[in-house]
Amino acid sequence: MEARLKPIKAKALFLQAWDESKTDFEKFTEVHYVARQQSTIKEKLEWDKTALDLALKIDDKSIQASYPSLHLNIAKCYEDLQDIENARNYYQLALSFTGFLEDNGYGKMIKAGIENGIKRVSEL
């Protein structure tokens, strides 16, 4: 539904999956998608924080590659909310976890997002 540009239906399905999730890993996966469907930045921020909290509880090294992106998402929310101090802190946290990223297109995209965010907030 998300790919078909039906955000209301996508949000409902992601929330249903969230409700039915049993493990922290399942909840983490679903909350990431729920966050993308929020209509306000504050709502997105809360879901992104939930995703980060769940990721930090999961004892699986493969989840560590998500840390930079999760921090980046939170930083961008704070930036959009004009909370520059929190934005700076989360961009720096995102940067500190970039060692978990692979050197591929995704990793480069996340690193570029972090670097661009740091540049934007440093100019404020």
N, C-alpha and C. Protein backbone atom coordinates (compact mmCIF):
# COMPACT_ATOMS: atom_id res chain seq x y z
N MET A 1 0.81 -1.19 0.00
CA MET A 1 0.00 0.00 0.00
C MET A 1 0.87 1.27 0.00
N GLU A 2 1.97 1.19 0.71
CA GLU A 2 2.86 2.34 0.72
C GLU A 2 3.40 2.61 -0.68
N ALA A 3 3.83 1.56 -1.36
CA ALA A 3 4.38 1.71 -2.71
C ALA A 3 3.30 2.14 -3.71
N ARG A 4 2.07 1.82 -3.39
CA ARG A 4 0.95 2.21 -4.27
C ARG A 4 0.42 3.61 -3.93
N LEU A 5 1.15 4.29 -3.06
CA LEU A 5 0.79 5.65 -2.65
C LEU A 5 -0.59 5.72 -2.01
N LYS A 6 -0.83 4.75 -1.13
CA LYS A 6 -2.08 4.71 -0.36
C LYS A 6 -1.69 4.77 1.12
N PRO A 7 -1.28 5.96 1.58
CA PRO A 7 -0.73 6.08 2.93
C PRO A 7 -1.70 5.73 4.05
N ILE A 8 -2.96 6.01 3.90
CA ILE A 8 -3.92 5.71 4.97
C ILE A 8 -4.04 4.20 5.16
N LYS A 9 -4.16 3.49 4.06
CA LYS A 9 -4.25 2.03 4.12
C LYS A 9 -2.93 1.44 4.62
N ALA A 10 -1.81 1.98 4.14
CA ALA A 10 -0.49 1.51 4.58
C ALA A 10 -0.34 1.70 6.09
N LYS A 11 -0.72 2.87 6.58
CA LYS A 11 -0.61 3.15 8.01
C LYS A 11 -1.44 2.15 8.81
N ALA A 12 -2.66 1.88 8.35
CA ALA A 12 -3.53 0.93 9.06
C ALA A 12 -2.91 -0.46 9.09
N LEU A 13 -2.34 -0.89 7.99
CA LEU A 13 -1.71 -2.21 7.93
C LEU A 13 -0.46 -2.28 8.81
N PHE A 14 0.35 -1.22 8.79
CA PHE A 14 1.54 -1.20 9.63
C PHE A 14 1.16 -1.19 11.12
N LEU A 15 0.12 -0.45 11.47
CA LEU A 15 -0.34 -0.44 12.87
C LEU A 15 -0.89 -1.81 13.28
N GLN A 16 -1.57 -2.47 12.37
CA GLN A 16 -2.06 -3.82 12.66
C GLN A 16 -0.89 -4.76 12.91
N ALA A 17 0.13 -4.66 12.06
CA ALA A 17 1.32 -5.51 12.24
C ALA A 17 2.01 -5.17 13.56
N TRP A 18 2.07 -3.90 13.93
CA TRP A 18 2.64 -3.47 15.20
C TRP A 18 1.88 -4.12 16.35
N ASP A 19 0.57 -4.05 16.29
CA ASP A 19 -0.27 -4.63 17.34
C ASP A 19 -0.08 -6.15 17.48
N GLU A 20 0.21 -6.80 16.37
CA GLU A 20 0.35 -8.25 16.36
C GLU A 20 1.78 -8.73 16.61
N SER A 21 2.72 -7.80 16.66
CA SER A 21 4.12 -8.15 16.87
C SER A 21 4.33 -8.77 18.24
N LYS A 22 5.15 -9.79 18.28
CA LYS A 22 5.41 -10.51 19.53
C LYS A 22 6.79 -10.22 20.12
N THR A 23 7.79 -10.05 19.27
CA THR A 23 9.16 -9.86 19.75
C THR A 23 9.60 -8.42 19.54
N ASP A 24 10.66 -8.04 20.24
CA ASP A 24 11.21 -6.70 20.05
C ASP A 24 11.66 -6.49 18.61
N PHE A 25 12.21 -7.54 17.99
CA PHE A 25 12.65 -7.40 16.60
C PHE A 25 11.46 -7.15 15.68
N GLU A 26 10.37 -7.88 15.87
CA GLU A 26 9.17 -7.66 15.05
C GLU A 26 8.63 -6.25 15.29
N LYS A 27 8.57 -5.85 16.55
CA LYS A 27 8.07 -4.51 16.88
C LYS A 27 8.97 -3.43 16.26
N PHE A 28 10.27 -3.64 16.35
CA PHE A 28 11.22 -2.68 15.76
C PHE A 28 10.97 -2.54 14.27
N THR A 29 10.81 -3.65 13.59
CA THR A 29 10.58 -3.62 12.14
C THR A 29 9.30 -2.85 11.82
N GLU A 30 8.24 -3.15 12.53
CA GLU A 30 6.96 -2.50 12.25
C GLU A 30 6.96 -1.02 12.62
N VAL A 31 7.56 -0.68 13.75
CA VAL A 31 7.53 0.71 14.18
C VAL A 31 8.28 1.62 13.21
N HIS A 32 9.29 1.09 12.57
CA HIS A 32 10.01 1.86 11.56
C HIS A 32 9.06 2.28 10.44
N TYR A 33 8.23 1.36 10.01
CA TYR A 33 7.28 1.66 8.94
C TYR A 33 6.13 2.53 9.43
N VAL A 34 5.69 2.32 10.66
CA VAL A 34 4.63 3.16 11.23
C VAL A 34 5.12 4.62 11.27
N ALA A 35 6.35 4.82 11.69
CA ALA A 35 6.91 6.18 11.80
C ALA A 35 6.84 6.91 10.46
N ARG A 36 7.10 6.21 9.40
CA ARG A 36 7.10 6.84 8.07
C ARG A 36 5.72 7.31 7.64
N GLN A 37 4.68 6.81 8.26
CA GLN A 37 3.31 7.13 7.85
C GLN A 37 2.65 8.21 8.71
N GLN A 38 3.38 8.82 9.60
CA GLN A 38 2.78 9.81 10.49
C GLN A 38 2.53 11.13 9.77
N SER A 39 1.48 11.82 10.19
CA SER A 39 1.09 13.06 9.52
C SER A 39 1.73 14.30 10.14
N THR A 40 2.31 14.15 11.35
CA THR A 40 3.00 15.30 11.95
C THR A 40 4.42 14.89 12.33
N ILE A 41 5.27 15.88 12.42
CA ILE A 41 6.66 15.62 12.80
C ILE A 41 6.73 15.11 14.23
N LYS A 42 5.91 15.67 15.11
CA LYS A 42 5.93 15.21 16.51
C LYS A 42 5.55 13.74 16.62
N GLU A 43 4.54 13.32 15.86
CA GLU A 43 4.16 11.91 15.87
C GLU A 43 5.28 11.04 15.32
N LYS A 44 5.88 11.48 14.22
CA LYS A 44 6.99 10.73 13.63
C LYS A 44 8.14 10.61 14.62
N LEU A 45 8.44 11.70 15.31
CA LEU A 45 9.52 11.69 16.29
C LEU A 45 9.26 10.65 17.38
N GLU A 46 8.05 10.61 17.88
CA GLU A 46 7.74 9.64 18.94
C GLU A 46 7.90 8.20 18.45
N TRP A 47 7.43 7.91 17.25
CA TRP A 47 7.58 6.56 16.71
C TRP A 47 9.05 6.25 16.42
N ASP A 48 9.79 7.24 15.92
CA ASP A 48 11.23 7.02 15.67
C ASP A 48 11.97 6.75 16.97
N LYS A 49 11.61 7.45 18.04
CA LYS A 49 12.24 7.20 19.34
C LYS A 49 11.90 5.79 19.83
N THR A 50 10.68 5.36 19.59
CA THR A 50 10.29 4.00 19.97
C THR A 50 11.12 2.98 19.20
N ALA A 51 11.33 3.24 17.90
CA ALA A 51 12.16 2.34 17.09
C ALA A 51 13.57 2.26 17.65
N LEU A 52 14.14 3.41 18.01
CA LEU A 52 15.49 3.41 18.57
C LEU A 52 15.54 2.66 19.90
N ASP A 53 14.57 2.91 20.76
CA ASP A 53 14.54 2.20 22.05
C ASP A 53 14.48 0.69 21.85
N LEU A 54 13.67 0.25 20.91
CA LEU A 54 13.57 -1.19 20.64
C LEU A 54 14.87 -1.73 20.06
N ALA A 55 15.45 -1.00 19.12
CA ALA A 55 16.71 -1.45 18.51
C ALA A 55 17.80 -1.62 19.55
N LEU A 56 17.86 -0.71 20.50
CA LEU A 56 18.88 -0.79 21.53
C LEU A 56 18.67 -1.97 22.48
N LYS A 57 17.47 -2.50 22.54
CA LYS A 57 17.17 -3.65 23.39
C LYS A 57 17.45 -4.98 22.70
N ILE A 58 17.58 -4.96 21.39
CA ILE A 58 17.73 -6.21 20.63
C ILE A 58 19.18 -6.65 20.67
N ASP A 59 19.40 -7.88 21.12
CA ASP A 59 20.75 -8.43 21.22
C ASP A 59 21.10 -9.17 19.92
N ASP A 60 21.37 -8.36 18.89
CA ASP A 60 21.71 -8.91 17.57
C ASP A 60 22.58 -7.88 16.86
N LYS A 61 23.80 -8.25 16.59
CA LYS A 61 24.74 -7.30 15.99
C LYS A 61 24.26 -6.74 14.66
N SER A 62 23.44 -7.49 13.94
CA SER A 62 22.97 -7.00 12.64
C SER A 62 22.09 -5.76 12.77
N ILE A 63 21.49 -5.57 13.92
CA ILE A 63 20.61 -4.41 14.13
C ILE A 63 21.43 -3.13 14.28
N GLN A 64 22.70 -3.26 14.63
CA GLN A 64 23.56 -2.09 14.83
C GLN A 64 23.68 -1.24 13.58
N ALA A 65 23.54 -1.84 12.42
CA ALA A 65 23.61 -1.07 11.17
C ALA A 65 22.43 -0.11 11.05
N SER A 66 21.41 -0.30 11.87
CA SER A 66 20.25 0.60 11.87
C SER A 66 20.48 1.83 12.75
N TYR A 67 21.42 1.78 13.66
CA TYR A 67 21.63 2.88 14.60
C TYR A 67 21.85 4.23 13.91
N PRO A 68 22.73 4.31 12.89
CA PRO A 68 22.93 5.62 12.27
C PRO A 68 21.65 6.18 11.66
N SER A 69 20.90 5.35 10.98
CA SER A 69 19.67 5.79 10.34
C SER A 69 18.62 6.22 11.37
N LEU A 70 18.50 5.48 12.45
CA LEU A 70 17.54 5.81 13.49
C LEU A 70 17.87 7.16 14.11
N HIS A 71 19.14 7.38 14.42
CA HIS A 71 19.56 8.65 14.99
C HIS A 71 19.38 9.78 13.97
N LEU A 72 19.65 9.50 12.72
CA LEU A 72 19.46 10.49 11.65
C LEU A 72 17.99 10.89 11.57
N ASN A 73 17.09 9.93 11.60
CA ASN A 73 15.66 10.23 11.53
C ASN A 73 15.22 11.12 12.70
N ILE A 74 15.71 10.80 13.88
CA ILE A 74 15.35 11.59 15.06
C ILE A 74 15.94 12.99 14.95
N ALA A 75 17.17 13.08 14.51
CA ALA A 75 17.82 14.38 14.34
C ALA A 75 17.04 15.25 13.37
N LYS A 76 16.61 14.67 12.27
CA LYS A 76 15.87 15.43 11.25
C LYS A 76 14.53 15.91 11.82
N CYS A 77 13.88 15.09 12.60
CA CYS A 77 12.63 15.53 13.25
C CYS A 77 12.89 16.73 14.14
N TYR A 78 13.93 16.65 14.97
CA TYR A 78 14.25 17.78 15.84
C TYR A 78 14.59 19.02 15.03
N GLU A 79 15.34 18.82 13.95
CA GLU A 79 15.68 19.96 13.09
C GLU A 79 14.41 20.59 12.53
N ASP A 80 13.50 19.76 12.05
CA ASP A 80 12.24 20.28 11.48
C ASP A 80 11.39 20.97 12.54
N LEU A 81 11.54 20.55 13.79
CA LEU A 81 10.81 21.18 14.90
C LEU A 81 11.54 22.41 15.45
N GLN A 82 12.65 22.75 14.82
CA GLN A 82 13.48 23.90 15.23
C GLN A 82 14.12 23.71 16.61
N ASP A 83 14.30 22.46 17.03
CA ASP A 83 15.00 22.15 18.27
C ASP A 83 16.44 21.81 17.87
N ILE A 84 17.20 22.84 17.63
CA ILE A 84 18.53 22.68 17.03
C ILE A 84 19.50 21.97 17.96
N GLU A 85 19.42 22.21 19.25
CA GLU A 85 20.33 21.54 20.18
C GLU A 85 20.15 20.02 20.12
N ASN A 86 18.90 19.55 20.20
CA ASN A 86 18.66 18.11 20.10
C ASN A 86 19.03 17.59 18.71
N ALA A 87 18.77 18.37 17.68
CA ALA A 87 19.14 17.96 16.33
C ALA A 87 20.65 17.74 16.24
N ARG A 88 21.41 18.69 16.74
CA ARG A 88 22.88 18.56 16.72
C ARG A 88 23.32 17.31 17.47
N ASN A 89 22.75 17.09 18.65
CA ASN A 89 23.13 15.93 19.45
C ASN A 89 22.86 14.63 18.71
N TYR A 90 21.69 14.51 18.10
CA TYR A 90 21.35 13.27 17.40
C TYR A 90 22.12 13.10 16.11
N TYR A 91 22.44 14.20 15.42
CA TYR A 91 23.29 14.07 14.23
C TYR A 91 24.68 13.57 14.64
N GLN A 92 25.20 14.06 15.76
CA GLN A 92 26.51 13.60 16.24
C GLN A 92 26.45 12.13 16.66
N LEU A 93 25.36 11.74 17.31
CA LEU A 93 25.20 10.33 17.67
C LEU A 93 25.14 9.47 16.40
N ALA A 94 24.40 9.94 15.41
CA ALA A 94 24.31 9.20 14.14
C ALA A 94 25.71 9.03 13.54
N LEU A 95 26.47 10.10 13.55
CA LEU A 95 27.83 10.05 13.02
C LEU A 95 28.69 9.05 13.78
N SER A 96 28.50 8.98 15.08
CA SER A 96 29.31 8.08 15.91
C SER A 96 29.04 6.60 15.61
N PHE A 97 27.91 6.30 15.00
CA PHE A 97 27.57 4.91 14.69
C PHE A 97 27.80 4.54 13.23
N THR A 98 28.36 5.43 12.43
CA THR A 98 28.53 5.13 11.01
C THR A 98 29.49 3.97 10.75
N GLY A 99 30.29 3.61 11.72
CA GLY A 99 31.17 2.45 11.56
C GLY A 99 30.40 1.15 11.39
N PHE A 100 29.14 1.13 11.75
CA PHE A 100 28.30 -0.06 11.58
C PHE A 100 27.74 -0.18 10.17
N LEU A 101 27.86 0.89 9.37
CA LEU A 101 27.31 0.87 8.02
C LEU A 101 28.26 0.18 7.05
N GLU A 102 27.69 -0.50 6.09
CA GLU A 102 28.49 -1.09 5.03
C GLU A 102 28.84 0.00 4.02
N ASP A 103 29.90 -0.26 3.26
CA ASP A 103 30.32 0.70 2.25
C ASP A 103 29.58 0.38 0.94
N ASN A 104 28.30 0.69 0.95
CA ASN A 104 27.47 0.44 -0.23
C ASN A 104 26.57 1.65 -0.44
N GLY A 105 25.64 1.56 -1.36
CA GLY A 105 24.77 2.69 -1.66
C GLY A 105 23.98 3.16 -0.46
N TYR A 106 23.42 2.23 0.29
CA TYR A 106 22.65 2.59 1.47
C TYR A 106 23.53 3.29 2.50
N GLY A 107 24.67 2.69 2.80
CA GLY A 107 25.58 3.29 3.77
C GLY A 107 26.02 4.69 3.36
N LYS A 108 26.32 4.86 2.09
CA LYS A 108 26.72 6.18 1.59
C LYS A 108 25.58 7.18 1.69
N MET A 109 24.35 6.74 1.42
CA MET A 109 23.19 7.62 1.51
C MET A 109 22.99 8.10 2.94
N ILE A 110 23.09 7.18 3.90
CA ILE A 110 22.91 7.54 5.31
C ILE A 110 24.03 8.49 5.76
N LYS A 111 25.27 8.18 5.39
CA LYS A 111 26.38 9.06 5.75
C LYS A 111 26.19 10.45 5.17
N ALA A 112 25.76 10.53 3.93
CA ALA A 112 25.53 11.84 3.29
C ALA A 112 24.41 12.59 4.02
N GLY A 113 23.37 11.88 4.41
CA GLY A 113 22.29 12.52 5.15
C GLY A 113 22.76 13.09 6.48
N ILE A 114 23.61 12.34 7.15
CA ILE A 114 24.17 12.80 8.43
C ILE A 114 25.05 14.03 8.21
N GLU A 115 25.94 13.93 7.24
CA GLU A 115 26.84 15.05 6.95
C GLU A 115 26.07 16.31 6.55
N ASN A 116 25.04 16.15 5.72
CA ASN A 116 24.23 17.29 5.31
C ASN A 116 23.48 17.88 6.50
N GLY A 117 22.98 17.02 7.38
CA GLY A 117 22.28 17.51 8.56
C GLY A 117 23.21 18.28 9.49
N ILE A 118 24.39 17.73 9.70
CA ILE A 118 25.37 18.42 10.55
C ILE A 118 25.70 19.78 9.97
N LYS A 119 25.87 19.83 8.66
CA LYS A 119 26.19 21.10 8.00
C LYS A 119 25.04 22.10 8.17
N ARG A 120 23.81 21.64 7.97
CA ARG A 120 22.66 22.53 8.10
C ARG A 120 22.55 23.13 9.50
N VAL A 121 22.65 22.27 10.53
CA VAL A 121 22.47 22.78 11.89
C VAL A 121 23.67 23.58 12.38
N SER A 122 24.84 23.33 11.80
CA SER A 122 26.01 24.11 12.21
C SER A 122 25.94 25.54 11.68
N GLU A 123 25.14 25.74 10.65
CA GLU A 123 24.99 27.06 10.06
C GLU A 123 23.92 27.90 10.77
N LEU A 124 23.24 27.29 11.74
CA LEU A 124 22.17 28.00 12.45
C LEU A 124 22.67 28.63 13.73
